[in-house]
């Protein structure tokens, strides 16, 4: 499964039956763009597929509608490490 959540807490998801690859990611990104109505700023982790040449080429073609950002590959002081810790 691949999923996203907007800054308005709306979720979008897709069940993936086979191995997750660039083609599946692009299929998901197409669906996101189709329903967005405005430019998407998507934050991804560093899964190899997210950085593939195919995905980067596709995003370059659609740069007016989507922009990708990546978590740092190493961030020991990340706030995300403490998400489950009560404040």
N, C-alpha and C. Protein backbone atom coordinates (compact mmCIF):
# COMPACT_ATOMS: atom_id res chain seq x y z
N UNK A 1 0.85 -1.17 0.00
CA UNK A 1 0.00 0.00 0.00
C UNK A 1 0.89 1.24 0.00
N UNK A 2 0.46 2.24 -0.74
CA UNK A 2 1.10 3.55 -0.71
C UNK A 2 0.02 4.54 -0.33
N UNK A 3 0.38 5.52 0.49
CA UNK A 3 -0.62 6.48 0.97
C UNK A 3 -0.01 7.85 1.18
N UNK A 4 -0.88 8.86 1.11
CA UNK A 4 -0.49 10.24 1.40
C UNK A 4 -1.54 10.86 2.31
N UNK A 5 -1.15 11.95 2.93
CA UNK A 5 -2.09 12.72 3.73
C UNK A 5 -1.83 14.19 3.46
N UNK A 6 -2.88 14.95 3.23
CA UNK A 6 -2.74 16.38 2.95
C UNK A 6 -2.62 17.17 4.24
N UNK A 7 -2.34 18.46 4.09
CA UNK A 7 -2.30 19.33 5.27
C UNK A 7 -3.70 19.58 5.83
N UNK A 8 -4.72 19.06 5.15
CA UNK A 8 -6.10 19.15 5.63
C UNK A 8 -6.60 17.79 6.12
N UNK A 9 -5.66 16.87 6.35
CA UNK A 9 -5.92 15.53 6.87
C UNK A 9 -6.75 14.65 5.93
N UNK A 10 -6.69 14.91 4.64
CA UNK A 10 -7.34 14.04 3.66
C UNK A 10 -6.33 13.00 3.21
N UNK A 11 -6.75 11.77 3.13
CA UNK A 11 -5.83 10.71 2.72
C UNK A 11 -6.15 10.20 1.33
N UNK A 12 -5.11 9.76 0.65
CA UNK A 12 -5.21 9.09 -0.65
C UNK A 12 -4.34 7.85 -0.54
N UNK A 13 -4.82 6.73 -1.05
CA UNK A 13 -4.05 5.49 -0.95
C UNK A 13 -4.30 4.60 -2.15
N UNK A 14 -3.41 3.64 -2.33
CA UNK A 14 -3.53 2.67 -3.42
C UNK A 14 -2.95 1.34 -2.93
N UNK A 15 -3.70 0.28 -3.12
CA UNK A 15 -3.22 -1.06 -2.80
C UNK A 15 -2.37 -1.56 -3.97
N UNK A 16 -1.22 -2.10 -3.65
CA UNK A 16 -0.30 -2.60 -4.66
C UNK A 16 -0.18 -4.11 -4.49
N UNK A 17 -0.61 -4.83 -5.50
CA UNK A 17 -0.59 -6.29 -5.45
C UNK A 17 0.81 -6.86 -5.67
N UNK A 18 1.54 -6.31 -6.63
CA UNK A 18 2.86 -6.83 -6.99
C UNK A 18 3.95 -6.00 -6.33
N UNK A 19 5.17 -6.21 -6.76
CA UNK A 19 6.30 -5.45 -6.23
C UNK A 19 6.12 -3.96 -6.54
N UNK A 20 6.51 -3.13 -5.60
CA UNK A 20 6.43 -1.68 -5.79
C UNK A 20 7.61 -1.23 -6.65
N UNK A 21 7.29 -0.57 -7.76
CA UNK A 21 8.34 -0.11 -8.66
C UNK A 21 8.00 1.30 -9.15
N UNK A 22 8.85 1.83 -10.03
CA UNK A 22 8.65 3.19 -10.54
C UNK A 22 7.32 3.34 -11.25
N UNK A 23 6.92 2.34 -11.99
CA UNK A 23 5.65 2.38 -12.72
C UNK A 23 4.48 2.54 -11.76
N UNK A 24 4.50 1.81 -10.65
CA UNK A 24 3.43 1.90 -9.65
C UNK A 24 3.43 3.28 -8.98
N UNK A 25 4.62 3.80 -8.69
CA UNK A 25 4.70 5.13 -8.07
C UNK A 25 4.14 6.18 -9.01
N UNK A 26 4.51 6.12 -10.28
CA UNK A 26 4.00 7.09 -11.25
C UNK A 26 2.48 6.96 -11.40
N UNK A 27 1.98 5.76 -11.38
CA UNK A 27 0.52 5.55 -11.43
C UNK A 27 -0.16 6.28 -10.26
N UNK A 28 0.43 6.18 -9.08
CA UNK A 28 -0.10 6.86 -7.90
C UNK A 28 0.01 8.38 -8.05
N UNK A 29 1.14 8.86 -8.54
CA UNK A 29 1.33 10.30 -8.71
C UNK A 29 0.34 10.88 -9.72
N UNK A 30 0.07 10.13 -10.78
CA UNK A 30 -0.92 10.56 -11.78
C UNK A 30 -2.29 10.75 -11.11
N UNK A 31 -2.67 9.81 -10.28
CA UNK A 31 -3.95 9.90 -9.57
C UNK A 31 -3.97 11.11 -8.62
N UNK A 32 -2.85 11.38 -7.96
CA UNK A 32 -2.79 12.54 -7.07
C UNK A 32 -2.99 13.84 -7.84
N UNK A 33 -2.29 13.97 -8.96
CA UNK A 33 -2.39 15.18 -9.77
C UNK A 33 -3.80 15.37 -10.30
N UNK A 34 -4.39 14.28 -10.74
CA UNK A 34 -5.73 14.32 -11.34
C UNK A 34 -6.75 14.96 -10.41
N UNK A 35 -6.66 14.65 -9.13
CA UNK A 35 -7.66 15.11 -8.17
C UNK A 35 -7.25 16.33 -7.35
N UNK A 36 -6.04 16.82 -7.53
CA UNK A 36 -5.52 17.86 -6.64
C UNK A 36 -6.12 19.24 -6.90
N UNK A 37 -6.15 19.66 -8.13
CA UNK A 37 -6.65 21.00 -8.42
C UNK A 37 -5.62 22.09 -8.22
N UNK A 38 -4.49 21.76 -7.61
CA UNK A 38 -3.39 22.72 -7.45
C UNK A 38 -2.09 21.93 -7.32
N UNK A 39 -0.97 22.64 -7.30
CA UNK A 39 0.33 21.98 -7.27
C UNK A 39 0.50 21.15 -6.00
N UNK A 40 1.10 19.98 -6.17
CA UNK A 40 1.35 19.06 -5.06
C UNK A 40 2.82 19.17 -4.65
N UNK A 41 3.05 19.26 -3.36
CA UNK A 41 4.38 19.21 -2.78
C UNK A 41 4.42 17.94 -1.95
N UNK A 42 5.14 16.94 -2.42
CA UNK A 42 5.11 15.61 -1.81
C UNK A 42 6.46 15.30 -1.16
N UNK A 43 6.42 14.88 0.09
CA UNK A 43 7.63 14.50 0.83
C UNK A 43 7.73 12.99 0.85
N UNK A 44 8.87 12.48 0.40
CA UNK A 44 9.10 11.04 0.33
C UNK A 44 10.29 10.63 1.16
N UNK A 45 10.34 9.34 1.51
CA UNK A 45 11.54 8.83 2.13
C UNK A 45 12.54 8.48 1.02
N UNK A 46 13.60 7.80 1.35
CA UNK A 46 14.66 7.55 0.39
C UNK A 46 14.64 6.15 -0.22
N UNK A 47 13.47 5.58 -0.36
CA UNK A 47 13.35 4.31 -1.06
C UNK A 47 13.94 4.48 -2.46
N UNK A 48 14.69 3.53 -2.92
CA UNK A 48 15.38 3.63 -4.20
C UNK A 48 14.43 3.99 -5.35
N UNK A 49 13.23 3.43 -5.34
CA UNK A 49 12.24 3.72 -6.38
C UNK A 49 11.93 5.21 -6.45
N UNK A 50 11.88 5.88 -5.32
CA UNK A 50 11.55 7.30 -5.28
C UNK A 50 12.59 8.15 -6.00
N UNK A 51 13.81 7.66 -6.11
CA UNK A 51 14.91 8.39 -6.76
C UNK A 51 15.23 7.86 -8.15
N UNK A 52 14.42 6.97 -8.69
CA UNK A 52 14.74 6.35 -9.98
C UNK A 52 14.71 7.37 -11.12
N UNK A 53 15.47 7.06 -12.15
CA UNK A 53 15.53 7.95 -13.32
C UNK A 53 14.17 8.11 -13.97
N UNK A 54 13.41 7.04 -14.01
CA UNK A 54 12.08 7.08 -14.62
C UNK A 54 11.17 8.05 -13.86
N UNK A 55 11.19 7.97 -12.54
CA UNK A 55 10.36 8.86 -11.71
C UNK A 55 10.84 10.31 -11.86
N UNK A 56 12.14 10.53 -11.80
CA UNK A 56 12.66 11.89 -11.93
C UNK A 56 12.31 12.50 -13.28
N UNK A 57 12.39 11.70 -14.35
CA UNK A 57 12.03 12.20 -15.68
C UNK A 57 10.55 12.54 -15.75
N UNK A 58 9.71 11.70 -15.17
CA UNK A 58 8.27 11.95 -15.18
C UNK A 58 7.95 13.22 -14.40
N UNK A 59 8.55 13.37 -13.21
CA UNK A 59 8.30 14.56 -12.39
C UNK A 59 8.77 15.82 -13.12
N UNK A 60 9.88 15.75 -13.84
CA UNK A 60 10.37 16.90 -14.60
C UNK A 60 9.35 17.34 -15.65
N UNK A 61 8.67 16.39 -16.26
CA UNK A 61 7.64 16.71 -17.25
C UNK A 61 6.42 17.38 -16.60
N UNK A 62 6.16 17.05 -15.38
CA UNK A 62 4.97 17.54 -14.67
C UNK A 62 5.32 18.54 -13.57
N UNK A 63 6.47 19.20 -13.68
CA UNK A 63 6.98 20.06 -12.60
C UNK A 63 6.03 21.21 -12.23
N UNK A 64 5.14 21.59 -13.14
CA UNK A 64 4.17 22.64 -12.81
C UNK A 64 3.06 22.13 -11.90
N UNK A 65 2.94 20.80 -11.81
CA UNK A 65 1.85 20.23 -11.02
C UNK A 65 2.32 19.44 -9.80
N UNK A 66 3.60 19.06 -9.77
CA UNK A 66 4.08 18.28 -8.63
C UNK A 66 5.56 18.54 -8.40
N UNK A 67 5.94 18.57 -7.13
CA UNK A 67 7.35 18.72 -6.75
C UNK A 67 7.63 17.75 -5.61
N UNK A 68 8.73 17.04 -5.74
CA UNK A 68 9.10 16.05 -4.72
C UNK A 68 10.20 16.58 -3.81
N UNK A 69 10.09 16.23 -2.55
CA UNK A 69 11.11 16.53 -1.54
C UNK A 69 11.41 15.22 -0.82
N UNK A 70 12.60 15.12 -0.26
CA UNK A 70 13.02 13.87 0.39
C UNK A 70 13.49 14.13 1.81
N UNK A 71 13.15 13.19 2.69
CA UNK A 71 13.70 13.23 4.02
C UNK A 71 15.21 13.06 3.91
N UNK A 72 15.96 13.62 4.85
CA UNK A 72 17.41 13.38 4.83
C UNK A 72 17.67 11.88 5.00
N UNK A 73 18.74 11.39 4.39
CA UNK A 73 19.03 9.96 4.50
C UNK A 73 19.44 9.59 5.93
N UNK A 74 19.96 10.55 6.68
CA UNK A 74 20.33 10.30 8.07
C UNK A 74 19.99 11.54 8.86
N UNK A 75 19.12 11.40 9.84
CA UNK A 75 18.75 12.55 10.68
C UNK A 75 18.49 12.07 12.11
N UNK A 76 19.56 11.89 12.88
CA UNK A 76 19.41 11.33 14.23
C UNK A 76 18.60 12.20 15.19
N UNK A 77 18.47 13.48 14.89
CA UNK A 77 17.74 14.37 15.78
C UNK A 77 16.37 14.75 15.22
N UNK A 78 15.90 13.97 14.29
CA UNK A 78 14.62 14.25 13.64
C UNK A 78 13.49 14.24 14.66
N UNK A 79 12.58 15.18 14.50
CA UNK A 79 11.38 15.23 15.35
C UNK A 79 10.50 14.00 15.12
N UNK A 80 10.60 13.41 13.93
CA UNK A 80 9.77 12.24 13.62
C UNK A 80 10.14 11.03 14.47
N UNK A 81 11.34 10.98 15.02
CA UNK A 81 11.72 9.87 15.88
C UNK A 81 10.91 9.86 17.17
N UNK A 82 10.37 11.01 17.55
CA UNK A 82 9.66 11.12 18.82
C UNK A 82 8.17 11.33 18.66
N UNK A 83 7.64 10.96 17.50
CA UNK A 83 6.22 11.20 17.23
C UNK A 83 5.34 10.49 18.25
N UNK A 84 5.70 9.28 18.65
CA UNK A 84 4.85 8.53 19.59
C UNK A 84 5.06 8.93 21.05
N UNK A 85 6.02 9.81 21.31
CA UNK A 85 6.30 10.26 22.66
C UNK A 85 5.37 11.39 23.03
N UNK A 86 4.65 11.30 24.14
CA UNK A 86 3.76 12.38 24.56
C UNK A 86 4.55 13.68 24.82
N UNK A 87 3.91 14.78 24.53
CA UNK A 87 4.57 16.08 24.77
C UNK A 87 4.18 16.59 26.13
